[in-house]
Amino acid sequence: MTKIYKTFTLEKGKMAIVSEKLNIILKTKEKLRKMLIDKNREA
C-alpha cells in the first residue's frame, strides 16, 4: 500500500515538473512570436 502510494506521488511529482516545463516553453514561444510580430510591424 505505502509503496504504491509513494510511486504514485513520485509520478505525480514528475508530471507536475513536466507540465511546468511545457508551460515555460509555451510562454517563451508566445513571447518570441509576439516579438517577431512587433519587429515585422516596425519593418
PDB file of N, CA and C in Angstrom:
ATOM      1  N   MET A   1       0.832  -1.201   0.000  1.00  0.00           N
ATOM      2  CA  MET A   1       0.000   0.000   0.000  1.00  0.00           C
ATOM      3  C   MET A   1       0.866   1.251   0.000  1.00  0.00           C
ATOM      4  N   THR A   2       1.798   1.319   0.960  1.00  0.00           N
ATOM      5  CA  THR A   2       2.648   2.504   1.080  1.00  0.00           C
ATOM      6  C   THR A   2       3.534   2.644  -0.155  1.00  0.00           C
ATOM      7  N   LYS A   3       4.075   1.517  -0.628  1.00  0.00           N
ATOM      8  CA  LYS A   3       4.957   1.551  -1.789  1.00  0.00           C
ATOM      9  C   LYS A   3       4.217   2.086  -3.017  1.00  0.00           C
ATOM     10  N   ILE A   4       3.005   1.602  -3.219  1.00  0.00           N
ATOM     11  CA  ILE A   4       2.205   2.052  -4.363  1.00  0.00           C
ATOM     12  C   ILE A   4       1.947   3.547  -4.230  1.00  0.00           C
ATOM     13  N   TYR A   5       1.604   3.986  -3.029  1.00  0.00           N
ATOM     14  CA  TYR A   5       1.318   5.399  -2.800  1.00  0.00           C
ATOM     15  C   TYR A   5       2.535   6.260  -3.088  1.00  0.00           C
ATOM     16  N   LYS A   6       3.695   5.796  -2.627  1.00  0.00           N
ATOM     17  CA  LYS A   6       4.944   6.541  -2.866  1.00  0.00           C
ATOM     18  C   LYS A   6       5.228   6.654  -4.355  1.00  0.00           C
ATOM     19  N   THR A   7       5.085   5.563  -5.076  1.00  0.00           N
ATOM     20  CA  THR A   7       5.322   5.565  -6.522  1.00  0.00           C
ATOM     21  C   THR A   7       4.357   6.517  -7.198  1.00  0.00           C
ATOM     22  N   PHE A   8       3.088   6.470  -6.783  1.00  0.00           N
ATOM     23  CA  PHE A   8       2.065   7.332  -7.362  1.00  0.00           C
ATOM     24  C   PHE A   8       2.406   8.798  -7.128  1.00  0.00           C
ATOM     25  N   THR A   9       2.820   9.130  -5.928  1.00  0.00           N
ATOM     26  CA  THR A   9       3.185  10.506  -5.583  1.00  0.00           C
ATOM     27  C   THR A   9       4.379  10.944  -6.413  1.00  0.00           C
ATOM     28  N   LEU A  10       5.350  10.047  -6.576  1.00  0.00           N
ATOM     29  CA  LEU A  10       6.533  10.340  -7.370  1.00  0.00           C
ATOM     30  C   LEU A  10       6.143  10.641  -8.814  1.00  0.00           C
ATOM     31  N   GLU A  11       5.249   9.801  -9.366  1.00  0.00           N
ATOM     32  CA  GLU A  11       4.788  10.002 -10.745  1.00  0.00           C
ATOM     33  C   GLU A  11       4.061  11.336 -10.872  1.00  0.00           C
ATOM     34  N   LYS A  12       3.250  11.666  -9.885  1.00  0.00           N
ATOM     35  CA  LYS A  12       2.526  12.937  -9.910  1.00  0.00           C
ATOM     36  C   LYS A  12       3.512  14.101  -9.877  1.00  0.00           C
ATOM     37  N   GLY A  13       4.557  13.944  -9.076  1.00  0.00           N
ATOM     38  CA  GLY A  13       5.593  14.966  -8.991  1.00  0.00           C
ATOM     39  C   GLY A  13       6.293  15.160 -10.323  1.00  0.00           C
ATOM     40  N   LYS A  14       6.604  14.031 -10.976  1.00  0.00           N
ATOM     41  CA  LYS A  14       7.255  14.092 -12.288  1.00  0.00           C
ATOM     42  C   LYS A  14       6.349  14.784 -13.295  1.00  0.00           C
ATOM     43  N   MET A  15       5.073  14.437 -13.272  1.00  0.00           N
ATOM     44  CA  MET A  15       4.111  15.038 -14.188  1.00  0.00           C
ATOM     45  C   MET A  15       4.023  16.538 -13.968  1.00  0.00           C
ATOM     46  N   ALA A  16       4.043  16.957 -12.708  1.00  0.00           N
ATOM     47  CA  ALA A  16       3.974  18.379 -12.371  1.00  0.00           C
ATOM     48  C   ALA A  16       5.186  19.107 -12.937  1.00  0.00           C
ATOM     49  N   ILE A  17       6.355  18.490 -12.794  1.00  0.00           N
ATOM     50  CA  ILE A  17       7.591  19.091 -13.307  1.00  0.00           C
ATOM     51  C   ILE A  17       7.522  19.196 -14.832  1.00  0.00           C
ATOM     52  N   VAL A  18       7.069  18.131 -15.472  1.00  0.00           N
ATOM     53  CA  VAL A  18       6.975  18.114 -16.934  1.00  0.00           C
ATOM     54  C   VAL A  18       6.007  19.183 -17.419  1.00  0.00           C
ATOM     55  N   SER A  19       4.834  19.267 -16.796  1.00  0.00           N
ATOM     56  CA  SER A  19       3.843  20.258 -17.239  1.00  0.00           C
ATOM     57  C   SER A  19       4.345  21.674 -16.991  1.00  0.00           C
ATOM     58  N   GLU A  20       5.099  21.845 -15.910  1.00  0.00           N
ATOM     59  CA  GLU A  20       5.684  23.162 -15.618  1.00  0.00           C
ATOM     60  C   GLU A  20       6.676  23.542 -16.716  1.00  0.00           C
ATOM     61  N   LYS A  21       7.514  22.589 -17.112  1.00  0.00           N
ATOM     62  CA  LYS A  21       8.489  22.847 -18.180  1.00  0.00           C
ATOM     63  C   LYS A  21       7.778  23.176 -19.485  1.00  0.00           C
ATOM     64  N   LEU A  22       6.715  22.416 -19.794  1.00  0.00           N
ATOM     65  CA  LEU A  22       5.953  22.670 -21.019  1.00  0.00           C
ATOM     66  C   LEU A  22       5.341  24.067 -20.983  1.00  0.00           C
ATOM     67  N   ASN A  23       4.840  24.441 -19.809  1.00  0.00           N
ATOM     68  CA  ASN A  23       4.263  25.772 -19.621  1.00  0.00           C
ATOM     69  C   ASN A  23       5.281  26.848 -19.945  1.00  0.00           C
ATOM     70  N   ILE A  24       6.485  26.686 -19.404  1.00  0.00           N
ATOM     71  CA  ILE A  24       7.558  27.674 -19.627  1.00  0.00           C
ATOM     72  C   ILE A  24       7.892  27.746 -21.114  1.00  0.00           C
ATOM     73  N   ILE A  25       7.998  26.581 -21.760  1.00  0.00           N
ATOM     74  CA  ILE A  25       8.326  26.539 -23.188  1.00  0.00           C
ATOM     75  C   ILE A  25       7.248  27.255 -23.998  1.00  0.00           C
ATOM     76  N   LEU A  26       5.973  26.985 -23.674  1.00  0.00           N
ATOM     77  CA  LEU A  26       4.871  27.623 -24.402  1.00  0.00           C
ATOM     78  C   LEU A  26       4.897  29.132 -24.216  1.00  0.00           C
ATOM     79  N   LYS A  27       5.149  29.576 -22.980  1.00  0.00           N
ATOM     80  CA  LYS A  27       5.203  31.011 -22.706  1.00  0.00           C
ATOM     81  C   LYS A  27       6.346  31.660 -23.477  1.00  0.00           C
ATOM     82  N   THR A  28       7.494  30.992 -23.520  1.00  0.00           N
ATOM     83  CA  THR A  28       8.653  31.512 -24.239  1.00  0.00           C
ATOM     84  C   THR A  28       8.343  31.615 -25.733  1.00  0.00           C
ATOM     85  N   LYS A  29       7.719  30.573 -26.279  1.00  0.00           N
ATOM     86  CA  LYS A  29       7.357  30.589 -27.701  1.00  0.00           C
ATOM     87  C   LYS A  29       6.407  31.740 -27.984  1.00  0.00           C
ATOM     88  N   GLU A  30       5.441  31.954 -27.097  1.00  0.00           N
ATOM     89  CA  GLU A  30       4.466  33.027 -27.264  1.00  0.00           C
ATOM     90  C   GLU A  30       5.167  34.379 -27.261  1.00  0.00           C
ATOM     91  N   LYS A  31       6.121  34.562 -26.331  1.00  0.00           N
ATOM     92  CA  LYS A  31       6.889  35.812 -26.263  1.00  0.00           C
ATOM     93  C   LYS A  31       7.666  36.037 -27.553  1.00  0.00           C
ATOM     94  N   LEU A  32       8.339  34.997 -28.029  1.00  0.00           N
ATOM     95  CA  LEU A  32       9.129  35.102 -29.266  1.00  0.00           C
ATOM     96  C   LEU A  32       8.232  35.442 -30.443  1.00  0.00           C
ATOM     97  N   ARG A  33       7.050  34.822 -30.496  1.00  0.00           N
ATOM     98  CA  ARG A  33       6.114  35.064 -31.585  1.00  0.00           C
ATOM     99  C   ARG A  33       5.671  36.531 -31.576  1.00  0.00           C
ATOM    100  N   LYS A  34       5.366  37.047 -30.391  1.00  0.00           N
ATOM    101  CA  LYS A  34       4.948  38.447 -30.270  1.00  0.00           C
ATOM    102  C   LYS A  34       6.075  39.388 -30.677  1.00  0.00           C
ATOM    103  N   MET A  35       7.299  39.054 -30.275  1.00  0.00           N
ATOM    104  CA  MET A  35       8.452  39.870 -30.641  1.00  0.00           C
ATOM    105  C   MET A  35       8.609  39.911 -32.161  1.00  0.00           C
ATOM    106  N   LEU A  36       8.458  38.761 -32.813  1.00  0.00           N
ATOM    107  CA  LEU A  36       8.577  38.692 -34.268  1.00  0.00           C
ATOM    108  C   LEU A  36       7.495  39.531 -34.939  1.00  0.00           C
ATOM    109  N   ILE A  37       6.274  39.459 -34.418  1.00  0.00           N
ATOM    110  CA  ILE A  37       5.167  40.242 -34.985  1.00  0.00           C
ATOM    111  C   ILE A  37       5.473  41.738 -34.846  1.00  0.00           C
ATOM    112  N   ASP A  38       5.962  42.133 -33.679  1.00  0.00           N
ATOM    113  CA  ASP A  38       6.298  43.542 -33.453  1.00  0.00           C
ATOM    114  C   ASP A  38       7.405  43.997 -34.400  1.00  0.00           C
ATOM    115  N   LYS A  39       8.405  43.159 -34.589  1.00  0.00           N
ATOM    116  CA  LYS A  39       9.521  43.502 -35.491  1.00  0.00           C
ATOM    117  C   LYS A  39       9.011  43.659 -36.919  1.00  0.00           C
ATOM    118  N   ASN A  40       8.098  42.790 -37.323  1.00  0.00           N
ATOM    119  CA  ASN A  40       7.546  42.862 -38.678  1.00  0.00           C
ATOM    120  C   ASN A  40       6.739  44.145 -38.861  1.00  0.00           C
ATOM    121  N   ARG A  41       6.060  44.581 -37.815  1.00  0.00           N
ATOM    122  CA  ARG A  41       5.280  45.820 -37.887  1.00  0.00           C
ATOM    123  C   ARG A  41       6.205  47.015 -38.082  1.00  0.00           C
ATOM    124  N   GLU A  42       7.332  47.004 -37.337  1.00  0.00           N
ATOM    125  CA  GLU A  42       8.287  48.121 -37.398  1.00  0.00           C
ATOM    126  C   GLU A  42       8.965  48.196 -38.760  1.00  0.00           C
ATOM    127  N   ALA A  43       9.257  47.039 -39.330  1.00  0.00           N
ATOM    128  CA  ALA A  43       9.990  46.999 -40.607  1.00  0.00           C
ATOM    129  C   ALA A  43       9.185  47.610 -41.752  1.00  0.00           C
TER     130      ALA A  43
END
